[in-house]
Amino acid sequence: MEAVTDTGTIRVLLVEDNDVFRQALVLLLELQQGIDVVGAVAEGDGAVAAARELGPHVVVLDFRLPGMDGVETTRALRRECPDLAVVCLTASASPRELDALREAGVVECLRKDQELEQIVAAIRRAGEPRL
């Protein structure tokens, strides 16, 4: 899978169980030039199937999810879609949990309360071609 489309657009899949936050993030990201939110799911269990079906370049993933948590979801995503980049958004995570996310393959971990510009910048970095 290419890192970005021919038009330079980064295809993003959101995995977030909080309906209000998920819907708001979809709306805010859709306003960003060069980002196309191709789907949004509420559980880690649905993330792999959605990634296979929708072909995102970047998955923006909540850490605390029902069913599979962020670490388990990241492992499953990376196993099924190795070219996929995962950016984690979390309200809180311990240093040990952050280490586990990075070991699972997350490229960046951000707090949900960070500025939108920081979240968008992380998505753009994650969507850059990887050598």
N, C-alpha and C. Protein backbone atom coordinates (compact mmCIF):
# COMPACT_ATOMS: atom_id res chain seq x y z
N MET A 1 0.84 -1.17 0.00
CA MET A 1 0.00 0.00 0.00
C MET A 1 0.89 1.24 0.00
N GLU A 2 0.56 2.19 -0.84
CA GLU A 2 1.31 3.44 -0.88
C GLU A 2 1.05 4.23 0.40
N ALA A 3 2.00 5.09 0.75
CA ALA A 3 1.83 5.89 1.96
C ALA A 3 0.73 6.94 1.78
N VAL A 4 0.61 7.49 0.58
CA VAL A 4 -0.46 8.44 0.30
C VAL A 4 -0.97 8.16 -1.10
N THR A 5 -2.14 8.68 -1.42
CA THR A 5 -2.70 8.48 -2.75
C THR A 5 -1.94 9.33 -3.75
N ASP A 6 -2.23 9.13 -5.03
CA ASP A 6 -1.59 9.90 -6.09
C ASP A 6 -1.85 11.39 -5.92
N THR A 7 -2.97 11.74 -5.30
CA THR A 7 -3.31 13.15 -5.11
C THR A 7 -2.68 13.72 -3.85
N GLY A 8 -1.94 12.90 -3.11
CA GLY A 8 -1.31 13.36 -1.87
C GLY A 8 -2.23 13.29 -0.67
N THR A 9 -3.37 12.66 -0.83
CA THR A 9 -4.34 12.57 0.26
C THR A 9 -4.03 11.38 1.16
N ILE A 10 -4.06 11.62 2.46
CA ILE A 10 -3.84 10.57 3.44
C ILE A 10 -5.21 10.02 3.84
N ARG A 11 -5.38 8.72 3.65
CA ARG A 11 -6.64 8.05 4.01
C ARG A 11 -6.55 7.61 5.47
N VAL A 12 -7.54 8.04 6.27
CA VAL A 12 -7.52 7.83 7.72
C VAL A 12 -8.73 7.01 8.16
N LEU A 13 -8.47 6.05 9.04
CA LEU A 13 -9.52 5.30 9.73
C LEU A 13 -9.45 5.66 11.20
N LEU A 14 -10.59 6.03 11.79
CA LEU A 14 -10.65 6.34 13.22
C LEU A 14 -11.21 5.16 13.99
N VAL A 15 -10.58 4.85 15.13
CA VAL A 15 -11.08 3.80 16.02
C VAL A 15 -11.22 4.45 17.40
N GLU A 16 -12.47 4.75 17.76
CA GLU A 16 -12.77 5.52 18.97
C GLU A 16 -14.13 5.11 19.49
N ASP A 17 -14.21 4.72 20.76
CA ASP A 17 -15.49 4.26 21.31
C ASP A 17 -16.40 5.38 21.79
N ASN A 18 -15.87 6.56 22.04
CA ASN A 18 -16.70 7.68 22.48
C ASN A 18 -17.36 8.30 21.24
N ASP A 19 -18.68 8.13 21.11
CA ASP A 19 -19.39 8.58 19.92
C ASP A 19 -19.21 10.06 19.64
N VAL A 20 -19.33 10.89 20.66
CA VAL A 20 -19.23 12.34 20.47
C VAL A 20 -17.83 12.73 20.02
N PHE A 21 -16.81 12.18 20.69
CA PHE A 21 -15.43 12.50 20.31
C PHE A 21 -15.14 12.00 18.89
N ARG A 22 -15.59 10.78 18.56
CA ARG A 22 -15.36 10.21 17.23
C ARG A 22 -15.99 11.09 16.16
N GLN A 23 -17.25 11.47 16.36
CA GLN A 23 -17.94 12.28 15.36
C GLN A 23 -17.30 13.66 15.21
N ALA A 24 -16.90 14.25 16.32
CA ALA A 24 -16.24 15.56 16.27
C ALA A 24 -14.91 15.47 15.54
N LEU A 25 -14.14 14.42 15.83
CA LEU A 25 -12.84 14.26 15.19
C LEU A 25 -13.00 14.02 13.68
N VAL A 26 -14.00 13.24 13.30
CA VAL A 26 -14.27 13.04 11.87
C VAL A 26 -14.52 14.38 11.21
N LEU A 27 -15.40 15.19 11.79
CA LEU A 27 -15.72 16.49 11.21
C LEU A 27 -14.50 17.40 11.12
N LEU A 28 -13.72 17.45 12.19
CA LEU A 28 -12.54 18.33 12.21
C LEU A 28 -11.47 17.87 11.23
N LEU A 29 -11.25 16.56 11.14
CA LEU A 29 -10.23 16.05 10.22
C LEU A 29 -10.66 16.21 8.76
N GLU A 30 -11.96 16.07 8.50
CA GLU A 30 -12.45 16.23 7.13
C GLU A 30 -12.24 17.66 6.61
N LEU A 31 -12.10 18.62 7.52
CA LEU A 31 -11.85 20.01 7.12
C LEU A 31 -10.39 20.26 6.74
N GLN A 32 -9.53 19.29 7.03
CA GLN A 32 -8.09 19.44 6.78
C GLN A 32 -7.77 19.05 5.34
N GLN A 33 -7.04 19.91 4.67
CA GLN A 33 -6.64 19.61 3.30
C GLN A 33 -5.69 18.41 3.31
N GLY A 34 -5.92 17.48 2.40
CA GLY A 34 -5.04 16.33 2.25
C GLY A 34 -5.34 15.17 3.18
N ILE A 35 -6.43 15.25 3.95
CA ILE A 35 -6.84 14.15 4.82
C ILE A 35 -8.26 13.74 4.45
N ASP A 36 -8.43 12.44 4.24
CA ASP A 36 -9.73 11.88 3.91
C ASP A 36 -10.05 10.81 4.94
N VAL A 37 -11.06 11.05 5.77
CA VAL A 37 -11.48 10.05 6.76
C VAL A 37 -12.34 9.04 6.00
N VAL A 38 -11.79 7.84 5.80
CA VAL A 38 -12.47 6.82 5.01
C VAL A 38 -13.41 5.96 5.84
N GLY A 39 -13.30 6.05 7.18
CA GLY A 39 -14.18 5.27 8.04
C GLY A 39 -13.91 5.54 9.50
N ALA A 40 -14.88 5.13 10.33
CA ALA A 40 -14.75 5.28 11.78
C ALA A 40 -15.49 4.12 12.43
N VAL A 41 -14.82 3.46 13.36
CA VAL A 41 -15.43 2.35 14.08
C VAL A 41 -15.28 2.59 15.58
N ALA A 42 -16.14 1.92 16.35
CA ALA A 42 -16.19 2.17 17.78
C ALA A 42 -15.40 1.17 18.61
N GLU A 43 -14.95 0.07 18.00
CA GLU A 43 -14.27 -0.97 18.78
C GLU A 43 -13.03 -1.46 18.06
N GLY A 44 -12.07 -1.92 18.84
CA GLY A 44 -10.87 -2.50 18.27
C GLY A 44 -11.16 -3.72 17.44
N ASP A 45 -12.18 -4.49 17.86
CA ASP A 45 -12.53 -5.71 17.14
C ASP A 45 -12.90 -5.43 15.67
N GLY A 46 -13.47 -4.28 15.40
CA GLY A 46 -13.86 -3.94 14.03
C GLY A 46 -12.79 -3.25 13.23
N ALA A 47 -11.69 -2.89 13.85
CA ALA A 47 -10.66 -2.10 13.19
C ALA A 47 -9.96 -2.86 12.06
N VAL A 48 -9.64 -4.13 12.28
CA VAL A 48 -8.90 -4.88 11.27
C VAL A 48 -9.75 -5.08 10.02
N ALA A 49 -11.00 -5.48 10.20
CA ALA A 49 -11.89 -5.67 9.05
C ALA A 49 -12.07 -4.35 8.31
N ALA A 50 -12.26 -3.26 9.04
CA ALA A 50 -12.42 -1.95 8.40
C ALA A 50 -11.16 -1.55 7.65
N ALA A 51 -10.00 -1.82 8.22
CA ALA A 51 -8.73 -1.48 7.55
C ALA A 51 -8.57 -2.27 6.27
N ARG A 52 -8.89 -3.56 6.32
CA ARG A 52 -8.79 -4.39 5.09
C ARG A 52 -9.76 -3.88 4.03
N GLU A 53 -10.96 -3.52 4.42
CA GLU A 53 -11.98 -3.10 3.47
C GLU A 53 -11.73 -1.70 2.91
N LEU A 54 -11.30 -0.78 3.77
CA LEU A 54 -11.23 0.64 3.40
C LEU A 54 -9.86 1.10 2.93
N GLY A 55 -8.81 0.36 3.24
CA GLY A 55 -7.46 0.70 2.77
C GLY A 55 -6.92 2.02 3.27
N PRO A 56 -7.00 2.30 4.57
CA PRO A 56 -6.42 3.56 5.06
C PRO A 56 -4.89 3.50 5.04
N HIS A 57 -4.29 4.68 5.08
CA HIS A 57 -2.84 4.79 5.25
C HIS A 57 -2.48 4.88 6.73
N VAL A 58 -3.39 5.54 7.48
CA VAL A 58 -3.16 5.81 8.91
C VAL A 58 -4.42 5.44 9.68
N VAL A 59 -4.21 4.77 10.82
CA VAL A 59 -5.31 4.53 11.75
C VAL A 59 -5.06 5.40 12.98
N VAL A 60 -6.05 6.18 13.35
CA VAL A 60 -6.00 6.97 14.58
C VAL A 60 -6.82 6.19 15.59
N LEU A 61 -6.16 5.75 16.65
CA LEU A 61 -6.69 4.72 17.54
C LEU A 61 -6.73 5.19 18.98
N ASP A 62 -7.86 5.00 19.62
CA ASP A 62 -7.98 5.23 21.06
C ASP A 62 -7.25 4.10 21.78
N PHE A 63 -6.69 4.38 22.92
CA PHE A 63 -6.00 3.34 23.69
C PHE A 63 -7.00 2.46 24.44
N ARG A 64 -7.94 3.07 25.12
CA ARG A 64 -8.90 2.32 25.94
C ARG A 64 -10.16 2.06 25.12
N LEU A 65 -10.28 0.84 24.64
CA LEU A 65 -11.40 0.44 23.80
C LEU A 65 -12.09 -0.78 24.40
N PRO A 66 -13.38 -0.93 24.15
CA PRO A 66 -14.03 -2.17 24.58
C PRO A 66 -13.51 -3.34 23.75
N GLY A 67 -13.48 -4.51 24.34
CA GLY A 67 -12.95 -5.67 23.63
C GLY A 67 -11.43 -5.62 23.62
N MET A 68 -10.86 -5.48 22.45
CA MET A 68 -9.40 -5.38 22.31
C MET A 68 -8.95 -3.96 22.68
N ASP A 69 -7.90 -3.85 23.49
CA ASP A 69 -7.39 -2.52 23.81
C ASP A 69 -6.49 -2.02 22.68
N GLY A 70 -5.90 -0.86 22.87
CA GLY A 70 -5.07 -0.26 21.83
C GLY A 70 -3.85 -1.09 21.45
N VAL A 71 -3.24 -1.75 22.43
CA VAL A 71 -2.06 -2.58 22.14
C VAL A 71 -2.47 -3.78 21.30
N GLU A 72 -3.52 -4.48 21.72
CA GLU A 72 -3.99 -5.65 20.97
C GLU A 72 -4.46 -5.26 19.57
N THR A 73 -5.16 -4.14 19.47
CA THR A 73 -5.65 -3.68 18.18
C THR A 73 -4.50 -3.32 17.27
N THR A 74 -3.50 -2.64 17.80
CA THR A 74 -2.33 -2.27 17.00
C THR A 74 -1.62 -3.51 16.49
N ARG A 75 -1.41 -4.48 17.35
CA ARG A 75 -0.76 -5.73 16.92
C ARG A 75 -1.54 -6.39 15.79
N ALA A 76 -2.86 -6.47 15.94
CA ALA A 76 -3.69 -7.10 14.92
C ALA A 76 -3.64 -6.31 13.60
N LEU A 77 -3.69 -4.99 13.69
CA LEU A 77 -3.62 -4.15 12.50
C LEU A 77 -2.29 -4.32 11.78
N ARG A 78 -1.21 -4.28 12.53
CA ARG A 78 0.13 -4.38 11.93
C ARG A 78 0.37 -5.77 11.33
N ARG A 79 -0.22 -6.79 11.95
CA ARG A 79 -0.10 -8.15 11.43
C ARG A 79 -0.84 -8.28 10.09
N GLU A 80 -2.05 -7.75 10.02
CA GLU A 80 -2.89 -7.87 8.82
C GLU A 80 -2.55 -6.84 7.74
N CYS A 81 -2.11 -5.67 8.15
CA CYS A 81 -1.83 -4.56 7.22
C CYS A 81 -0.48 -3.95 7.59
N PRO A 82 0.63 -4.62 7.27
CA PRO A 82 1.94 -4.18 7.76
C PRO A 82 2.38 -2.78 7.31
N ASP A 83 1.83 -2.26 6.22
CA ASP A 83 2.21 -0.93 5.75
C ASP A 83 1.43 0.19 6.42
N LEU A 84 0.48 -0.18 7.22
CA LEU A 84 -0.38 0.77 7.90
C LEU A 84 0.36 1.45 9.05
N ALA A 85 0.17 2.75 9.21
CA ALA A 85 0.73 3.48 10.35
C ALA A 85 -0.37 3.70 11.38
N VAL A 86 -0.03 3.55 12.66
CA VAL A 86 -1.01 3.71 13.73
C VAL A 86 -0.57 4.87 14.63
N VAL A 87 -1.49 5.81 14.83
CA VAL A 87 -1.30 6.93 15.75
C VAL A 87 -2.30 6.72 16.88
N CYS A 88 -1.82 6.75 18.11
CA CYS A 88 -2.71 6.52 19.25
C CYS A 88 -3.08 7.85 19.90
N LEU A 89 -4.36 7.99 20.21
CA LEU A 89 -4.87 9.11 20.99
C LEU A 89 -5.42 8.54 22.28
N THR A 90 -5.04 9.11 23.40
CA THR A 90 -5.52 8.58 24.67
C THR A 90 -5.76 9.72 25.66
N ALA A 91 -6.74 9.52 26.51
CA ALA A 91 -6.97 10.49 27.59
C ALA A 91 -5.90 10.32 28.66
N SER A 92 -5.49 9.08 28.88
CA SER A 92 -4.43 8.82 29.86
C SER A 92 -3.82 7.45 29.57
N ALA A 93 -2.52 7.38 29.77
CA ALA A 93 -1.81 6.11 29.66
C ALA A 93 -0.54 6.23 30.50
N SER A 94 -0.20 5.16 31.17
CA SER A 94 1.01 5.14 32.00
C SER A 94 2.22 4.99 31.10
N PRO A 95 3.42 5.30 31.60
CA PRO A 95 4.63 5.08 30.80
C PRO A 95 4.75 3.62 30.33
N ARG A 96 4.35 2.68 31.16
CA ARG A 96 4.41 1.27 30.78
C ARG A 96 3.45 0.98 29.62
N GLU A 97 2.26 1.58 29.67
CA GLU A 97 1.29 1.40 28.59
C GLU A 97 1.77 2.06 27.30
N LEU A 98 2.39 3.22 27.41
CA LEU A 98 2.94 3.89 26.22
C LEU A 98 4.04 3.05 25.60
N ASP A 99 4.90 2.46 26.43
CA ASP A 99 5.96 1.58 25.92
C ASP A 99 5.35 0.39 25.19
N ALA A 100 4.30 -0.19 25.75
CA ALA A 100 3.64 -1.34 25.12
C ALA A 100 3.03 -0.95 23.77
N LEU A 101 2.48 0.25 23.68
CA LEU A 101 1.93 0.72 22.41
C LEU A 101 3.03 0.85 21.36
N ARG A 102 4.14 1.45 21.75
CA ARG A 102 5.26 1.61 20.80
C ARG A 102 5.81 0.26 20.36
N GLU A 103 5.93 -0.66 21.32
CA GLU A 103 6.41 -2.00 20.98
C GLU A 103 5.46 -2.71 20.03
N ALA A 104 4.17 -2.42 20.14
CA ALA A 104 3.18 -3.04 19.26
C ALA A 104 3.22 -2.45 17.85
N GLY A 105 3.81 -1.25 17.72
CA GLY A 105 3.95 -0.64 16.40
C GLY A 105 3.33 0.73 16.22
N VAL A 106 2.84 1.34 17.29
CA VAL A 106 2.31 2.70 17.19
C VAL A 106 3.46 3.66 16.86
N VAL A 107 3.24 4.55 15.88
CA VAL A 107 4.30 5.48 15.49
C VAL A 107 4.30 6.75 16.32
N GLU A 108 3.13 7.14 16.85
CA GLU A 108 3.05 8.31 17.73
C GLU A 108 1.92 8.11 18.73
N CYS A 109 2.12 8.63 19.93
CA CYS A 109 1.09 8.62 20.98
C CYS A 109 0.82 10.06 21.39
N LEU A 110 -0.44 10.45 21.33
CA LEU A 110 -0.83 11.80 21.70
C LEU A 110 -1.98 11.75 22.69
N ARG A 111 -2.12 12.82 23.45
CA ARG A 111 -3.27 12.95 24.36
C ARG A 111 -4.45 13.52 23.59
N LYS A 112 -5.63 13.12 23.98
CA LYS A 112 -6.85 13.61 23.31
C LYS A 112 -7.03 15.10 23.48
N ASP A 113 -6.46 15.68 24.53
CA ASP A 113 -6.65 17.11 24.76
C ASP A 113 -5.60 17.98 24.07
N GLN A 114 -4.76 17.39 23.23
CA GLN A 114 -3.78 18.19 22.50
C GLN A 114 -4.48 18.99 21.41
N GLU A 115 -3.83 20.04 20.97
CA GLU A 115 -4.39 20.89 19.92
C GLU A 115 -4.62 20.08 18.64
N LEU A 116 -5.66 20.42 17.91
CA LEU A 116 -5.96 19.73 16.66
C LEU A 116 -4.76 19.77 15.71
N GLU A 117 -4.04 20.88 15.69
CA GLU A 117 -2.89 21.02 14.80
C GLU A 117 -1.83 19.96 15.11
N GLN A 118 -1.66 19.62 16.38
CA GLN A 118 -0.69 18.60 16.75
C GLN A 118 -1.15 17.21 16.30
N ILE A 119 -2.44 16.96 16.41
CA ILE A 119 -2.99 15.67 15.97
C ILE A 119 -2.87 15.55 14.46
N VAL A 120 -3.21 16.62 13.75
CA VAL A 120 -3.11 16.62 12.29
C VAL A 120 -1.65 16.44 11.86
N ALA A 121 -0.73 17.11 12.53
CA ALA A 121 0.69 16.98 12.19
C ALA A 121 1.17 15.53 12.39
N ALA A 122 0.71 14.89 13.45
CA ALA A 122 1.08 13.49 13.69
C ALA A 122 0.53 12.59 12.59
N ILE A 123 -0.69 12.84 12.15
CA ILE A 123 -1.28 12.06 11.06
C ILE A 123 -0.47 12.27 9.78
N ARG A 124 -0.11 13.51 9.51
CA ARG A 124 0.68 13.79 8.30
C ARG A 124 2.04 13.10 8.35
N ARG A 125 2.70 13.14 9.51
CA ARG A 125 4.00 12.45 9.64
C ARG A 125 3.83 10.95 9.44
N ALA A 126 2.78 10.40 10.03
CA ALA A 126 2.53 8.96 9.92
C ALA A 126 2.21 8.56 8.49
N GLY A 127 1.61 9.45 7.73
CA GLY A 127 1.25 9.16 6.34
C GLY A 127 2.35 9.38 5.34
N GLU A 128 3.48 9.92 5.79
CA GLU A 128 4.62 10.13 4.88
C GLU A 128 5.17 8.79 4.42
N PRO A 129 5.68 8.74 3.21
CA PRO A 129 6.28 7.49 2.73
C PRO A 129 7.39 7.01 3.67
N ARG A 130 7.38 5.72 3.93
CA ARG A 130 8.41 5.11 4.76
C ARG A 130 9.36 4.32 3.89
N LEU A 131 10.63 4.49 4.09
CA LEU A 131 11.63 3.77 3.28
C LEU A 131 11.86 2.38 3.79
